[in-house]
Amino acid sequence: MKTIAQWAALLPQQEGYLALSYVLDTTPGALRAKSGESLDTAVTERYQEIVRRRLAGEPLQYAIGEWEFYGHLFQVDARALIPRPETERLVEMALQEDLAGKLVADIGTGTGAIALSIALEAHPKPRKLYATDCSADALVLAKENAARLLSSRGGIHAQPASAQPVPNDASASSQNMIEWVLGDGPSALPEAVDVLVSNPPYIDPQEKESLQDELQYEPASALFAGEPGKGGLALYQEWIPLLPARLQSHGVVLMEIGDRQGEAVSSLFRQAGFSAVTVHPDYTGRDRIVRATR
């Protein structure tokens, strides 16, 4: 029988240990510590399917079917963008705002990673959290993640998608807090909010040919921003002028940006009448978030 090390070697660059860690609900380090041991048939069958899909070109996250974001395990598939580590910085900054009893919005929620992370981690919690997306399929995925995570044991060891969540008072409160809205951009919001967060598409479509092949598996509408030749700024140019009407007085906007878009997006916010516009880095030191106050 093959050892853990032999199975892991089927995928390049340590991806094998990472994939196996999801299958076995452990860590890559723990697997390396017992790399000479063998695996049972059920594990190897699931792992071999992951290997097949990954070697066919799919992103590892889709092949596994789930991915950790901000300490919680999200179901991921081609209905929505894969949550990235840099977006955890957006969640971190949102949680530093005064959210107690406030109205919060996540525009373009995708898997629900941002909205659900805020719902799970904010203490005290917002009064209402609107999570919008222009894709009905993405909203279905986000609701599936909500059903799994807003249970009595939300977190990195959350129950599998097939399991029935066991509600308690806290989880019921969190589920009632979120309103899922099908619609495009800030105009989909039913009322003005106090804090608005968003990770909009910010890649120029004309860069598509130069990107990694595996990005073709992710929804283009979640990656590429409007018409080519605008430097990925198309949605910022469209959305930012709409934001003053979608924010309460002194409301705050936190938007993820491409690492070369800080100055341009900041300028758009200032043109729209926002104050205290600042650019913040992600965990690697690259410009990643613009914060602005109405």
Protein backbone atom coordinates (compact mmCIF):
# COMPACT_ATOMS: atom_id res chain seq x y z
CA MET A 1 0.00 0.00 0.00
CA LYS A 2 1.13 3.56 -0.71
CA THR A 3 2.24 5.73 2.16
CA ILE A 4 0.99 9.23 2.89
CA ALA A 5 4.20 10.61 1.37
CA GLN A 6 3.63 8.64 -1.84
CA TRP A 7 0.06 9.80 -2.14
CA ALA A 8 1.11 13.41 -1.46
CA ALA A 9 3.71 13.20 -4.23
CA LEU A 10 0.95 12.84 -6.82
CA LEU A 11 0.47 16.60 -6.66
CA PRO A 12 3.25 19.20 -7.06
CA GLN A 13 4.58 21.84 -4.67
CA GLN A 14 3.23 20.35 -1.45
CA GLU A 15 -0.34 20.54 -2.76
CA GLY A 16 -0.73 16.84 -1.97
CA TYR A 17 -0.25 17.33 1.76
CA LEU A 18 -2.58 20.32 1.67
CA ALA A 19 -5.31 18.39 -0.17
CA LEU A 20 -4.95 15.42 2.17
CA SER A 21 -5.21 17.71 5.18
CA TYR A 22 -8.70 18.74 4.02
CA VAL A 23 -9.73 15.16 3.35
CA LEU A 24 -8.55 14.04 6.78
CA ASP A 25 -9.49 17.22 8.71
CA THR A 26 -5.98 17.75 10.02
CA THR A 27 -2.93 19.87 9.15
CA PRO A 28 -0.21 19.34 6.53
CA GLY A 29 2.38 19.30 9.33
CA ALA A 30 0.60 16.52 11.18
CA LEU A 31 0.50 14.46 7.98
CA ARG A 32 4.21 14.96 7.33
CA ALA A 33 4.92 13.69 10.84
CA LYS A 34 3.34 10.34 9.93
CA SER A 35 4.20 10.34 6.22
CA GLY A 36 5.23 6.69 6.28
CA GLU A 37 1.77 5.49 7.29
CA SER A 38 -0.88 4.25 4.86
CA LEU A 39 -4.43 5.50 4.28
CA ASP A 40 -7.76 3.71 4.18
CA THR A 41 -9.66 3.14 0.93
CA ALA A 42 -12.36 5.78 1.48
CA VAL A 43 -9.71 8.48 1.94
CA THR A 44 -7.68 7.43 -1.09
CA GLU A 45 -10.75 7.30 -3.34
CA ARG A 46 -11.70 10.88 -2.50
CA TYR A 47 -8.09 12.01 -2.75
CA GLN A 48 -7.61 10.38 -6.15
CA GLU A 49 -10.64 12.29 -7.47
CA ILE A 50 -9.08 15.52 -6.20
CA VAL A 51 -5.81 14.61 -7.94
CA ARG A 52 -7.64 13.85 -11.19
CA ARG A 53 -9.45 17.18 -11.19
CA ARG A 54 -6.38 19.16 -10.16
CA LEU A 55 -4.15 17.60 -12.83
CA ALA A 56 -6.88 18.35 -15.38
CA GLY A 57 -6.36 22.04 -14.58
CA GLU A 58 -9.00 22.89 -12.00
CA PRO A 59 -7.98 25.10 -9.08
CA LEU A 60 -7.05 23.04 -6.05
CA GLN A 61 -9.81 24.71 -4.04
CA TYR A 62 -12.53 23.59 -6.46
CA ALA A 63 -11.06 20.09 -6.67
CA ILE A 64 -11.19 19.82 -2.87
CA GLY A 65 -14.62 21.46 -2.74
CA GLU A 66 -13.98 23.55 0.36
CA TRP A 67 -11.50 26.15 1.56
CA GLU A 68 -10.60 27.90 4.79
CA PHE A 69 -11.19 31.63 5.07
CA TYR A 70 -10.84 33.65 8.28
CA GLY A 71 -10.81 30.48 10.35
CA HIS A 72 -13.98 29.03 8.85
CA LEU A 73 -14.50 26.35 6.25
CA PHE A 74 -16.43 27.40 3.14
CA GLN A 75 -17.86 25.26 0.39
CA VAL A 76 -16.35 26.48 -2.89
CA ASP A 77 -17.17 25.68 -6.50
CA ALA A 78 -17.44 27.34 -9.90
CA ARG A 79 -20.52 29.34 -8.88
CA ALA A 80 -18.35 31.92 -7.13
CA LEU A 81 -14.85 33.30 -6.78
CA ILE A 82 -12.44 31.41 -4.52
CA PRO A 83 -11.89 33.41 -1.28
CA ARG A 84 -8.32 34.76 -1.20
CA PRO A 85 -6.08 35.37 1.83
CA GLU A 86 -5.79 39.08 1.04
CA THR A 87 -9.54 39.47 1.47
CA GLU A 88 -9.16 38.39 5.10
CA ARG A 89 -7.60 41.82 5.61
CA LEU A 90 -10.87 43.38 4.39
CA VAL A 91 -12.80 41.36 6.99
CA GLU A 92 -10.28 42.27 9.68
CA MET A 93 -10.71 45.98 8.97
CA ALA A 94 -14.50 45.67 8.87
CA LEU A 95 -14.45 44.06 12.31
CA GLN A 96 -12.43 47.01 13.63
CA GLU A 97 -15.33 49.34 12.82
CA ASP A 98 -18.12 50.01 15.29
CA LEU A 99 -20.67 47.48 14.05
CA ALA A 100 -22.83 47.19 17.17
CA GLY A 101 -26.47 47.54 16.15
CA LYS A 102 -25.46 48.94 12.76
CA LEU A 103 -26.60 48.22 9.22
CA VAL A 104 -23.82 46.54 7.22
CA ALA A 105 -23.64 45.53 3.56
CA ASP A 106 -21.40 43.15 1.62
CA ILE A 107 -21.68 43.97 -2.08
CA GLY A 108 -20.84 41.02 -4.34
CA THR A 109 -20.87 38.37 -1.63
CA GLY A 110 -19.95 35.33 -3.80
CA THR A 111 -19.42 32.39 -1.43
CA GLY A 112 -20.63 34.59 1.42
CA ALA A 113 -17.12 34.56 2.90
CA ILE A 114 -17.04 38.24 3.89
CA ALA A 115 -20.62 38.51 5.15
CA LEU A 116 -20.53 35.23 7.06
CA SER A 117 -17.13 35.97 8.60
CA ILE A 118 -18.49 39.27 9.90
CA ALA A 119 -21.65 37.59 11.18
CA LEU A 120 -19.59 34.96 12.98
CA GLU A 121 -16.82 37.17 14.34
CA ALA A 122 -18.40 40.55 15.14
CA HIS A 123 -18.93 41.14 18.88
CA PRO A 124 -21.21 42.93 19.51
CA LYS A 125 -23.05 42.18 16.28
CA PRO A 126 -24.66 44.36 13.61
CA ARG A 127 -28.42 44.78 13.58
CA LYS A 128 -28.69 43.71 9.94
CA LEU A 129 -26.26 42.52 7.29
CA TYR A 130 -27.24 42.74 3.61
CA ALA A 131 -25.30 40.37 1.34
CA THR A 132 -25.85 41.05 -2.35
CA ASP A 133 -24.79 39.41 -5.58
CA CYS A 134 -25.77 39.75 -9.22
CA SER A 135 -25.52 35.95 -9.61
CA ALA A 136 -28.43 33.83 -8.39
CA ASP A 137 -26.12 30.79 -8.41
CA ALA A 138 -23.61 32.54 -6.15
CA LEU A 139 -26.36 33.47 -3.70
CA VAL A 140 -27.46 29.84 -3.52
CA LEU A 141 -23.87 28.86 -2.68
CA ALA A 142 -23.66 31.60 -0.04
CA LYS A 143 -26.88 30.37 1.56
CA GLU A 144 -25.50 26.82 1.59
CA ASN A 145 -22.45 28.11 3.44
CA ALA A 146 -24.70 29.99 5.84
CA ALA A 147 -26.65 26.82 6.60
CA ARG A 148 -23.41 25.03 7.41
CA LEU A 149 -21.59 27.76 9.31
CA LEU A 150 -24.33 29.54 11.23
CA SER A 151 -24.92 26.46 13.33
CA SER A 152 -24.03 25.52 16.85
CA ARG A 153 -20.46 24.77 15.77
CA GLY A 154 -19.46 27.16 13.01
CA GLY A 155 -15.73 27.20 12.30
CA ILE A 156 -12.86 25.38 10.61
CA HIS A 157 -14.35 22.07 11.78
CA ALA A 158 -17.85 22.99 10.61
CA GLN A 159 -20.06 20.10 9.72
CA PRO A 160 -20.09 18.83 6.11
CA ALA A 161 -22.56 20.28 3.62
CA SER A 162 -24.64 17.08 3.83
CA ALA A 163 -25.15 17.42 7.57
CA GLN A 164 -28.18 19.12 9.08
CA PRO A 165 -27.21 22.17 11.17
CA VAL A 166 -28.29 22.14 14.79
CA PRO A 167 -29.59 25.64 15.51
CA ASN A 168 -29.30 27.42 18.81
CA ASP A 169 -30.31 30.91 19.89
CA ALA A 170 -27.00 32.45 18.75
CA SER A 171 -27.07 30.79 15.34
CA ALA A 172 -30.73 31.69 14.80
CA SER A 173 -29.89 35.30 15.61
CA SER A 174 -27.00 35.28 13.13
CA GLN A 175 -29.12 33.73 10.40
CA ASN A 176 -31.87 36.28 10.94
CA MET A 177 -29.27 39.05 10.83
CA ILE A 178 -28.36 38.35 7.18
CA GLU A 179 -30.62 39.27 4.30
CA TRP A 180 -29.55 37.84 0.94
CA VAL A 181 -30.26 40.21 -1.97
CA LEU A 182 -30.14 39.40 -5.67
CA GLY A 183 -29.01 42.52 -7.50
CA ASP A 184 -26.15 44.35 -9.17
CA GLY A 185 -23.94 46.63 -7.12
CA PRO A 186 -24.88 49.18 -4.43
CA SER A 187 -28.18 49.98 -6.13
CA ALA A 188 -29.47 46.58 -4.97
CA LEU A 189 -29.51 47.71 -1.32
CA PRO A 190 -33.01 48.25 0.05
CA GLU A 191 -31.86 50.99 2.45
CA ALA A 192 -28.85 53.08 3.39
CA VAL A 193 -26.27 51.34 5.58
CA ASP A 194 -23.65 52.39 8.12
CA VAL A 195 -20.76 50.22 6.88
CA LEU A 196 -20.37 48.93 3.33
CA VAL A 197 -17.70 46.41 2.37
CA SER A 198 -16.96 45.00 -1.06
CA ASN A 199 -14.44 43.00 -3.01
CA PRO A 200 -15.49 43.92 -6.55
CA PRO A 201 -13.92 42.57 -9.75
CA TYR A 202 -10.83 44.67 -10.44
CA ILE A 203 -8.91 42.92 -13.23
CA ASP A 204 -8.96 44.54 -16.66
CA PRO A 205 -10.43 42.05 -19.19
CA GLN A 206 -7.55 42.73 -21.56
CA GLU A 207 -5.21 41.07 -19.02
CA LYS A 208 -7.08 37.77 -19.32
CA GLU A 209 -4.60 36.12 -21.68
CA SER A 210 -1.68 36.78 -19.34
CA LEU A 211 -3.28 35.19 -16.27
CA GLN A 212 -2.97 31.65 -14.94
CA ASP A 213 -4.95 29.08 -16.91
CA GLU A 214 -6.79 27.86 -13.82
CA LEU A 215 -8.53 31.23 -13.49
CA GLN A 216 -10.70 30.22 -16.44
CA TYR A 217 -12.60 27.97 -14.02
CA GLU A 218 -13.72 30.91 -11.87
CA PRO A 219 -16.71 33.03 -12.96
CA ALA A 220 -15.48 35.79 -15.28
CA SER A 221 -18.05 38.23 -13.85
CA ALA A 222 -16.34 37.94 -10.45
CA LEU A 223 -12.83 38.50 -11.83
CA PHE A 224 -13.02 41.01 -14.68
CA ALA A 225 -14.24 44.58 -14.40
CA GLY A 226 -16.34 45.99 -17.22
CA GLU A 227 -15.00 46.94 -20.59
CA PRO A 228 -11.31 46.46 -21.49
CA GLY A 229 -8.80 49.27 -21.28
CA LYS A 230 -9.93 50.91 -18.04
CA GLY A 231 -7.22 49.40 -15.87
CA GLY A 232 -9.74 47.34 -13.92
CA LEU A 233 -11.41 50.50 -12.60
CA ALA A 234 -14.73 50.16 -14.43
CA LEU A 235 -16.84 49.06 -11.45
CA TYR A 236 -15.25 51.57 -9.09
CA GLN A 237 -16.11 54.29 -11.61
CA GLU A 238 -19.68 52.99 -11.78
CA TRP A 239 -20.30 52.24 -8.11
CA ILE A 240 -18.51 54.95 -6.11
CA PRO A 241 -20.74 57.84 -7.32
CA LEU A 242 -23.75 55.79 -6.14
CA LEU A 243 -22.42 55.21 -2.64
CA PRO A 244 -23.31 58.52 -0.89
CA ALA A 245 -27.00 57.74 -1.41
CA ARG A 246 -26.50 54.22 -0.03
CA LEU A 247 -24.75 55.30 3.18
CA GLN A 248 -25.98 56.82 6.41
CA SER A 249 -24.37 60.07 7.57
CA HIS A 250 -20.72 59.36 8.49
CA GLY A 251 -21.03 55.91 6.93
CA VAL A 252 -17.86 53.99 6.13
CA VAL A 253 -16.84 52.18 2.94
CA LEU A 254 -14.14 49.50 2.80
CA MET A 255 -13.26 48.29 -0.68
CA GLU A 256 -10.66 45.81 -1.83
CA ILE A 257 -8.53 47.00 -4.75
CA GLY A 258 -5.79 45.79 -7.05
CA ASP A 259 -2.31 46.52 -5.70
CA ARG A 260 -1.73 49.33 -8.23
CA GLN A 261 -5.12 50.99 -7.94
CA GLY A 262 -4.85 52.82 -4.62
CA GLU A 263 -4.33 56.32 -5.99
CA ALA A 264 -6.96 56.01 -8.73
CA VAL A 265 -9.67 54.57 -6.47
CA SER A 266 -8.90 57.11 -3.73
CA SER A 267 -9.34 59.89 -6.27
CA LEU A 268 -12.75 58.51 -7.25
CA PHE A 269 -13.86 58.55 -3.62
CA ARG A 270 -12.70 62.14 -3.15
CA GLN A 271 -14.51 63.20 -6.33
CA ALA A 272 -17.68 61.66 -4.91
CA GLY A 273 -17.37 63.81 -1.77
CA PHE A 274 -15.88 61.28 0.64
CA SER A 275 -13.47 62.33 3.39
CA ALA A 276 -10.70 60.58 5.34
CA VAL A 277 -9.82 58.45 2.30
CA THR A 278 -6.92 56.13 3.15
CA VAL A 279 -5.19 53.17 1.49
CA HIS A 280 -4.23 50.12 3.57
CA PRO A 281 -1.91 47.18 2.80
CA ASP A 282 -2.67 43.49 2.86
CA TYR A 283 -0.58 41.00 4.83
CA THR A 284 2.15 41.06 2.18
CA GLY A 285 2.50 44.86 2.26
CA ARG A 286 0.72 45.52 -1.05
CA ASP A 287 -1.98 48.19 -1.33
CA ARG A 288 -5.26 46.29 -0.93
CA ILE A 289 -8.01 48.24 0.87
CA VAL A 290 -9.40 51.73 0.48
CA ARG A 291 -11.33 53.12 3.44
CA ALA A 292 -13.49 56.21 3.03
CA THR A 293 -16.00 58.09 5.17
CA ARG A 294 -19.07 59.80 3.83
